[in-house]
Amino acid sequence: MWIIYYDSLFAYINSTSIPLEDRLTIIVHKKKNIWDAITDRSIKYSLSVQGYLDDTTWVTPSFQALNHLLSMAKDFYKMANIRINKDKYRILTNNSSLANKPVQIQIQGEIWNTTTLGRNDCARILEIYVNAFNNTRSHIKS
């Protein structure tokens, strides 16, 4: 049943109707022949939200974009009678000036005060520890 609900939201959020400045866009270079660089292809990926079962990960280039996308999701969550557990929210940023700082985001129409994770902190996403600064040290939690 989740896929029926979430598929339409994810498809809309990740579609071209969302401005590029509200989506994370990366370009990767696909090697076709390692001996011939001319055959390399550049592939562009844009993403704003992804999920698995009841875990949702929002990816945006700014807090303003995050608030914008969460406000769009608010109506969807209301229609589908989905409740958000704010205690499970983790805000990661790869902007060192914003790491471990207080921020405000709007979740389902309510202002929520939280703190971004620090440079060495991780968030667990689908049992994988993720660090926004690509810190590769081991993260073992008991």
N, C-alpha and C. Protein backbone atom coordinates (compact mmCIF):
# COMPACT_ATOMS: atom_id res chain seq x y z
N MET A 1 0.81 -1.19 0.00
CA MET A 1 0.00 0.00 0.00
C MET A 1 0.86 1.26 0.00
N TRP A 2 2.03 1.23 0.63
CA TRP A 2 2.91 2.41 0.66
C TRP A 2 3.31 2.84 -0.73
N ILE A 3 3.60 1.87 -1.58
CA ILE A 3 4.09 2.22 -2.91
C ILE A 3 3.02 2.98 -3.70
N ILE A 4 1.77 2.63 -3.49
CA ILE A 4 0.69 3.34 -4.18
C ILE A 4 0.67 4.80 -3.73
N TYR A 5 0.82 5.01 -2.42
CA TYR A 5 0.82 6.37 -1.91
C TYR A 5 2.07 7.13 -2.33
N TYR A 6 3.21 6.57 -2.01
CA TYR A 6 4.46 7.31 -2.18
C TYR A 6 4.90 7.47 -3.62
N ASP A 7 4.59 6.53 -4.48
CA ASP A 7 5.04 6.62 -5.87
C ASP A 7 4.60 7.94 -6.52
N SER A 8 3.36 8.31 -6.33
CA SER A 8 2.88 9.54 -6.97
C SER A 8 3.57 10.78 -6.39
N LEU A 9 3.80 10.81 -5.08
CA LEU A 9 4.50 11.95 -4.47
C LEU A 9 5.94 12.01 -4.97
N PHE A 10 6.64 10.88 -4.94
CA PHE A 10 8.04 10.86 -5.37
C PHE A 10 8.17 11.22 -6.84
N ALA A 11 7.28 10.71 -7.66
CA ALA A 11 7.33 11.02 -9.09
C ALA A 11 7.12 12.51 -9.32
N TYR A 12 6.19 13.10 -8.60
CA TYR A 12 5.94 14.54 -8.77
C TYR A 12 7.13 15.37 -8.28
N ILE A 13 7.62 15.05 -7.09
CA ILE A 13 8.73 15.82 -6.52
C ILE A 13 9.98 15.70 -7.39
N ASN A 14 10.26 14.52 -7.91
CA ASN A 14 11.46 14.31 -8.72
C ASN A 14 11.27 14.66 -10.20
N SER A 15 10.09 15.16 -10.55
CA SER A 15 9.81 15.45 -11.96
C SER A 15 10.40 16.79 -12.38
N THR A 16 10.30 17.06 -13.65
CA THR A 16 10.85 18.30 -14.18
C THR A 16 10.00 19.51 -13.81
N SER A 17 8.82 19.30 -13.21
CA SER A 17 8.00 20.44 -12.82
C SER A 17 8.57 21.16 -11.60
N ILE A 18 9.50 20.53 -10.91
CA ILE A 18 10.16 21.15 -9.77
C ILE A 18 11.38 21.92 -10.30
N PRO A 19 11.55 23.18 -9.91
CA PRO A 19 12.69 23.96 -10.42
C PRO A 19 14.03 23.28 -10.11
N LEU A 20 14.96 23.40 -11.02
CA LEU A 20 16.28 22.79 -10.84
C LEU A 20 16.97 23.25 -9.56
N GLU A 21 16.74 24.49 -9.17
CA GLU A 21 17.41 24.98 -7.96
C GLU A 21 16.90 24.31 -6.69
N ASP A 22 15.76 23.61 -6.76
CA ASP A 22 15.23 22.88 -5.61
C ASP A 22 15.61 21.41 -5.62
N ARG A 23 16.41 20.99 -6.59
CA ARG A 23 16.82 19.59 -6.68
C ARG A 23 18.34 19.48 -6.63
N LEU A 24 18.81 18.38 -6.11
CA LEU A 24 20.24 18.10 -6.16
C LEU A 24 20.52 17.50 -7.54
N THR A 25 21.46 18.07 -8.24
CA THR A 25 21.82 17.58 -9.57
C THR A 25 23.31 17.29 -9.60
N ILE A 26 23.65 16.10 -10.07
CA ILE A 26 25.06 15.74 -10.22
C ILE A 26 25.28 15.21 -11.63
N ILE A 27 26.50 15.33 -12.08
CA ILE A 27 26.88 14.80 -13.39
C ILE A 27 27.97 13.76 -13.16
N VAL A 28 27.75 12.57 -13.69
CA VAL A 28 28.76 11.51 -13.60
C VAL A 28 29.24 11.19 -15.00
N HIS A 29 30.46 10.74 -15.08
CA HIS A 29 31.05 10.40 -16.37
C HIS A 29 31.12 8.89 -16.49
N LYS A 30 30.41 8.35 -17.46
CA LYS A 30 30.37 6.91 -17.68
C LYS A 30 31.43 6.53 -18.70
N LYS A 31 32.28 5.61 -18.28
CA LYS A 31 33.33 5.13 -19.17
C LYS A 31 32.77 4.03 -20.05
N LYS A 32 32.92 4.18 -21.33
CA LYS A 32 32.51 3.13 -22.25
C LYS A 32 33.73 2.28 -22.61
N ASN A 33 34.86 2.95 -22.78
CA ASN A 33 36.11 2.28 -23.12
C ASN A 33 37.22 3.00 -22.37
N ILE A 34 37.87 2.30 -21.43
CA ILE A 34 38.88 2.96 -20.60
C ILE A 34 40.08 3.42 -21.42
N TRP A 35 40.26 2.90 -22.61
CA TRP A 35 41.39 3.27 -23.45
C TRP A 35 41.06 4.42 -24.40
N ASP A 36 39.78 4.82 -24.45
CA ASP A 36 39.38 5.86 -25.40
C ASP A 36 38.44 6.85 -24.70
N ALA A 37 39.01 7.95 -24.19
CA ALA A 37 38.22 8.93 -23.43
C ALA A 37 37.15 9.61 -24.27
N ILE A 38 37.29 9.61 -25.58
CA ILE A 38 36.30 10.25 -26.45
C ILE A 38 34.95 9.54 -26.35
N THR A 39 34.95 8.27 -26.01
CA THR A 39 33.70 7.52 -25.92
C THR A 39 32.98 7.71 -24.58
N ASP A 40 33.60 8.45 -23.64
CA ASP A 40 32.95 8.70 -22.35
C ASP A 40 31.65 9.48 -22.55
N ARG A 41 30.68 9.21 -21.68
CA ARG A 41 29.41 9.93 -21.71
C ARG A 41 29.17 10.60 -20.38
N SER A 42 28.63 11.79 -20.42
CA SER A 42 28.22 12.48 -19.21
C SER A 42 26.74 12.21 -18.99
N ILE A 43 26.41 11.80 -17.78
CA ILE A 43 25.02 11.50 -17.44
C ILE A 43 24.63 12.40 -16.28
N LYS A 44 23.50 13.07 -16.41
CA LYS A 44 23.02 14.01 -15.41
C LYS A 44 21.88 13.37 -14.61
N TYR A 45 22.00 13.41 -13.29
CA TYR A 45 20.97 12.89 -12.40
C TYR A 45 20.44 14.03 -11.53
N SER A 46 19.13 14.09 -11.39
CA SER A 46 18.51 15.05 -10.48
C SER A 46 17.66 14.28 -9.49
N LEU A 47 17.69 14.70 -8.24
CA LEU A 47 17.00 13.97 -7.19
C LEU A 47 16.57 14.94 -6.11
N SER A 48 15.40 14.72 -5.56
CA SER A 48 14.94 15.49 -4.41
C SER A 48 14.46 14.61 -3.27
N VAL A 49 13.92 13.45 -3.62
CA VAL A 49 13.39 12.57 -2.58
C VAL A 49 13.54 11.12 -3.04
N GLN A 50 13.83 10.28 -2.07
CA GLN A 50 13.87 8.85 -2.34
C GLN A 50 13.36 8.14 -1.09
N GLY A 51 12.90 6.94 -1.25
CA GLY A 51 12.38 6.24 -0.10
C GLY A 51 12.36 4.75 -0.28
N TYR A 52 12.25 4.07 0.84
CA TYR A 52 12.09 2.63 0.85
C TYR A 52 11.16 2.31 2.01
N LEU A 53 10.04 1.66 1.69
CA LEU A 53 9.00 1.38 2.67
C LEU A 53 8.60 2.68 3.37
N ASP A 54 8.80 2.78 4.68
CA ASP A 54 8.36 4.01 5.36
C ASP A 54 9.52 4.96 5.67
N ASP A 55 10.70 4.73 5.10
CA ASP A 55 11.84 5.63 5.27
C ASP A 55 11.94 6.56 4.06
N THR A 56 11.97 7.83 4.31
CA THR A 56 12.05 8.83 3.24
C THR A 56 13.28 9.70 3.46
N THR A 57 14.03 9.93 2.40
CA THR A 57 15.22 10.79 2.46
C THR A 57 15.02 11.95 1.49
N TRP A 58 15.03 13.16 2.03
CA TRP A 58 14.90 14.37 1.23
C TRP A 58 16.30 14.91 0.96
N VAL A 59 16.57 15.30 -0.28
CA VAL A 59 17.88 15.82 -0.68
C VAL A 59 17.65 17.13 -1.42
N THR A 60 18.17 18.22 -0.85
CA THR A 60 18.00 19.53 -1.49
C THR A 60 19.30 20.33 -1.37
N PRO A 61 19.47 21.31 -2.22
CA PRO A 61 20.68 22.13 -2.16
C PRO A 61 20.64 23.24 -1.10
N SER A 62 19.49 23.47 -0.45
CA SER A 62 19.39 24.55 0.54
C SER A 62 18.24 24.28 1.50
N PHE A 63 18.25 24.98 2.64
CA PHE A 63 17.14 24.87 3.58
C PHE A 63 15.86 25.43 2.98
N GLN A 64 15.97 26.48 2.18
CA GLN A 64 14.79 27.05 1.54
C GLN A 64 14.13 26.01 0.63
N ALA A 65 14.94 25.30 -0.13
CA ALA A 65 14.40 24.27 -1.02
C ALA A 65 13.79 23.13 -0.20
N LEU A 66 14.42 22.77 0.91
CA LEU A 66 13.87 21.72 1.77
C LEU A 66 12.51 22.14 2.30
N ASN A 67 12.40 23.35 2.81
CA ASN A 67 11.11 23.83 3.30
C ASN A 67 10.06 23.87 2.20
N HIS A 68 10.47 24.27 1.00
CA HIS A 68 9.54 24.31 -0.14
C HIS A 68 9.01 22.91 -0.45
N LEU A 69 9.89 21.93 -0.53
CA LEU A 69 9.45 20.57 -0.86
C LEU A 69 8.63 19.96 0.27
N LEU A 70 9.00 20.23 1.51
CA LEU A 70 8.21 19.71 2.63
C LEU A 70 6.82 20.33 2.67
N SER A 71 6.70 21.58 2.25
CA SER A 71 5.37 22.20 2.21
C SER A 71 4.52 21.56 1.11
N MET A 72 5.16 21.17 0.00
CA MET A 72 4.42 20.46 -1.05
C MET A 72 3.98 19.08 -0.55
N ALA A 73 4.82 18.43 0.22
CA ALA A 73 4.50 17.10 0.73
C ALA A 73 3.42 17.15 1.80
N LYS A 74 3.31 18.29 2.49
CA LYS A 74 2.34 18.43 3.58
C LYS A 74 0.92 18.08 3.12
N ASP A 75 0.49 18.61 1.99
CA ASP A 75 -0.85 18.32 1.49
C ASP A 75 -1.01 16.85 1.15
N PHE A 76 0.03 16.27 0.59
CA PHE A 76 -0.02 14.84 0.26
C PHE A 76 -0.14 14.01 1.53
N TYR A 77 0.66 14.32 2.54
CA TYR A 77 0.61 13.58 3.80
C TYR A 77 -0.77 13.70 4.45
N LYS A 78 -1.36 14.89 4.35
CA LYS A 78 -2.70 15.09 4.93
C LYS A 78 -3.73 14.23 4.19
N MET A 79 -3.66 14.23 2.85
CA MET A 79 -4.60 13.45 2.06
C MET A 79 -4.47 11.95 2.35
N ALA A 80 -3.22 11.47 2.50
CA ALA A 80 -2.98 10.05 2.71
C ALA A 80 -3.02 9.67 4.19
N ASN A 81 -3.31 10.66 5.06
CA ASN A 81 -3.36 10.43 6.50
C ASN A 81 -2.05 9.83 7.03
N ILE A 82 -0.94 10.41 6.58
CA ILE A 82 0.39 9.95 7.00
C ILE A 82 0.90 10.90 8.07
N ARG A 83 1.37 10.33 9.16
CA ARG A 83 1.93 11.14 10.24
C ARG A 83 3.46 11.06 10.18
N ILE A 84 4.08 12.17 10.42
CA ILE A 84 5.53 12.28 10.38
C ILE A 84 6.08 12.23 11.80
N ASN A 85 7.11 11.43 12.00
CA ASN A 85 7.78 11.37 13.30
C ASN A 85 8.97 12.33 13.27
N LYS A 86 8.77 13.53 13.80
CA LYS A 86 9.83 14.55 13.76
C LYS A 86 11.06 14.12 14.55
N ASP A 87 10.90 13.25 15.53
CA ASP A 87 12.05 12.80 16.33
C ASP A 87 13.04 11.99 15.51
N LYS A 88 12.60 11.47 14.38
CA LYS A 88 13.50 10.68 13.53
C LYS A 88 14.17 11.52 12.45
N TYR A 89 13.81 12.78 12.34
CA TYR A 89 14.43 13.66 11.34
C TYR A 89 15.88 13.90 11.72
N ARG A 90 16.77 13.83 10.74
CA ARG A 90 18.18 14.19 10.89
C ARG A 90 18.52 15.13 9.75
N ILE A 91 19.11 16.26 10.05
CA ILE A 91 19.48 17.23 9.03
C ILE A 91 20.99 17.17 8.84
N LEU A 92 21.41 16.76 7.66
CA LEU A 92 22.83 16.74 7.30
C LEU A 92 23.10 17.88 6.34
N THR A 93 24.26 18.49 6.46
CA THR A 93 24.67 19.51 5.52
C THR A 93 26.14 19.32 5.22
N ASN A 94 26.52 19.57 3.98
CA ASN A 94 27.94 19.52 3.64
C ASN A 94 28.54 20.93 3.59
N ASN A 95 27.81 21.90 4.12
CA ASN A 95 28.30 23.27 4.26
C ASN A 95 28.87 23.39 5.67
N SER A 96 30.19 23.46 5.79
CA SER A 96 30.83 23.43 7.11
C SER A 96 30.39 24.59 8.00
N SER A 97 30.01 25.72 7.42
CA SER A 97 29.56 26.85 8.25
C SER A 97 28.18 26.59 8.86
N LEU A 98 27.44 25.62 8.35
CA LEU A 98 26.11 25.29 8.89
C LEU A 98 26.10 24.02 9.73
N ALA A 99 27.23 23.31 9.79
CA ALA A 99 27.29 22.06 10.55
C ALA A 99 27.18 22.34 12.04
N ASN A 100 26.40 21.49 12.71
CA ASN A 100 26.21 21.57 14.16
C ASN A 100 25.65 22.93 14.59
N LYS A 101 24.74 23.47 13.79
CA LYS A 101 24.11 24.77 14.06
C LYS A 101 22.60 24.59 14.18
N PRO A 102 21.94 25.45 14.96
CA PRO A 102 20.48 25.39 15.04
C PRO A 102 19.84 25.86 13.73
N VAL A 103 18.79 25.18 13.33
CA VAL A 103 18.04 25.54 12.13
C VAL A 103 16.55 25.38 12.40
N GLN A 104 15.76 26.02 11.56
CA GLN A 104 14.30 25.87 11.61
C GLN A 104 13.84 25.30 10.29
N ILE A 105 13.02 24.25 10.36
CA ILE A 105 12.37 23.75 9.16
C ILE A 105 10.88 23.64 9.46
N GLN A 106 10.12 23.61 8.40
CA GLN A 106 8.67 23.53 8.55
C GLN A 106 8.23 22.13 8.15
N ILE A 107 7.63 21.42 9.11
CA ILE A 107 7.15 20.06 8.87
C ILE A 107 5.66 20.04 9.11
N GLN A 108 4.91 19.70 8.09
CA GLN A 108 3.45 19.64 8.15
C GLN A 108 2.86 20.93 8.73
N GLY A 109 3.39 22.05 8.29
CA GLY A 109 2.86 23.34 8.67
C GLY A 109 3.35 23.87 10.00
N GLU A 110 4.15 23.10 10.73
CA GLU A 110 4.66 23.54 12.02
C GLU A 110 6.14 23.86 11.91
N ILE A 111 6.55 24.95 12.55
CA ILE A 111 7.97 25.29 12.61
C ILE A 111 8.63 24.35 13.62
N TRP A 112 9.74 23.77 13.22
CA TRP A 112 10.46 22.83 14.08
C TRP A 112 11.90 23.27 14.20
N ASN A 113 12.37 23.40 15.43
CA ASN A 113 13.76 23.79 15.69
C ASN A 113 14.59 22.54 15.94
N THR A 114 15.71 22.45 15.28
CA THR A 114 16.61 21.32 15.45
C THR A 114 18.04 21.80 15.20
N THR A 115 18.97 20.89 15.27
CA THR A 115 20.38 21.21 15.02
C THR A 115 20.89 20.29 13.93
N THR A 116 21.63 20.85 13.00
CA THR A 116 22.23 20.02 11.95
C THR A 116 23.30 19.13 12.58
N LEU A 117 23.55 18.01 11.94
CA LEU A 117 24.59 17.12 12.44
C LEU A 117 25.96 17.76 12.21
N GLY A 118 26.90 17.45 13.08
CA GLY A 118 28.25 18.00 12.98
C GLY A 118 29.08 17.31 11.90
N ARG A 119 30.28 17.82 11.70
CA ARG A 119 31.18 17.30 10.65
C ARG A 119 31.50 15.82 10.83
N ASN A 120 31.57 15.34 12.07
CA ASN A 120 31.93 13.94 12.32
C ASN A 120 30.73 13.07 12.64
N ASP A 121 29.54 13.65 12.66
CA ASP A 121 28.33 12.89 12.99
C ASP A 121 27.78 12.19 11.76
N CYS A 122 27.03 11.13 12.02
CA CYS A 122 26.42 10.36 10.94
C CYS A 122 24.93 10.21 11.18
N ALA A 123 24.21 10.01 10.11
CA ALA A 123 22.80 9.64 10.18
C ALA A 123 22.68 8.25 9.59
N ARG A 124 21.84 7.43 10.18
CA ARG A 124 21.64 6.09 9.66
C ARG A 124 20.48 6.11 8.68
N ILE A 125 20.78 5.77 7.44
CA ILE A 125 19.76 5.71 6.39
C ILE A 125 19.74 4.29 5.87
N LEU A 126 18.65 3.58 6.13
CA LEU A 126 18.51 2.18 5.72
C LEU A 126 19.71 1.35 6.18
N GLU A 127 20.05 1.48 7.46
CA GLU A 127 21.12 0.72 8.12
C GLU A 127 22.53 1.08 7.64
N ILE A 128 22.67 2.16 6.89
CA ILE A 128 23.99 2.61 6.44
C ILE A 128 24.26 3.96 7.09
N TYR A 129 25.43 4.09 7.69
CA TYR A 129 25.80 5.36 8.32
C TYR A 129 26.34 6.31 7.27
N VAL A 130 25.72 7.49 7.17
CA VAL A 130 26.07 8.47 6.15
C VAL A 130 26.61 9.72 6.84
N ASN A 131 27.73 10.21 6.33
CA ASN A 131 28.33 11.45 6.82
C ASN A 131 28.34 12.44 5.67
N ALA A 132 27.86 13.64 5.88
CA ALA A 132 27.73 14.63 4.80
C ALA A 132 29.08 15.12 4.29
N PHE A 133 30.13 14.92 5.07
CA PHE A 133 31.46 15.38 4.66
C PHE A 133 32.32 14.23 4.15
N ASN A 134 31.68 13.09 3.87
CA ASN A 134 32.37 11.92 3.33
C ASN A 134 33.47 11.42 4.27
N ASN A 135 33.23 11.55 5.56
CA ASN A 135 34.16 11.06 6.56
C ASN A 135 34.12 9.54 6.53
N THR A 136 35.26 8.91 6.31
CA THR A 136 35.28 7.45 6.13
C THR A 136 35.67 6.69 7.38
N ARG A 137 35.81 7.36 8.51
CA ARG A 137 36.16 6.62 9.72
C ARG A 137 35.01 5.68 10.09
N SER A 138 35.35 4.63 10.80
CA SER A 138 34.33 3.64 11.18
C SER A 138 33.33 4.24 12.15
N HIS A 139 32.09 3.85 12.00
CA HIS A 139 31.02 4.31 12.89
C HIS A 139 30.33 3.08 13.43
N ILE A 140 30.66 2.74 14.65
CA ILE A 140 30.07 1.56 15.28
C ILE A 140 29.20 2.04 16.42
N LYS A 141 27.95 1.67 16.36
CA LYS A 141 26.99 2.04 17.40
C LYS A 141 26.56 0.77 18.10
N SER A 142 26.48 0.82 19.42
CA SER A 142 26.05 -0.37 20.15
C SER A 142 24.59 -0.26 20.52
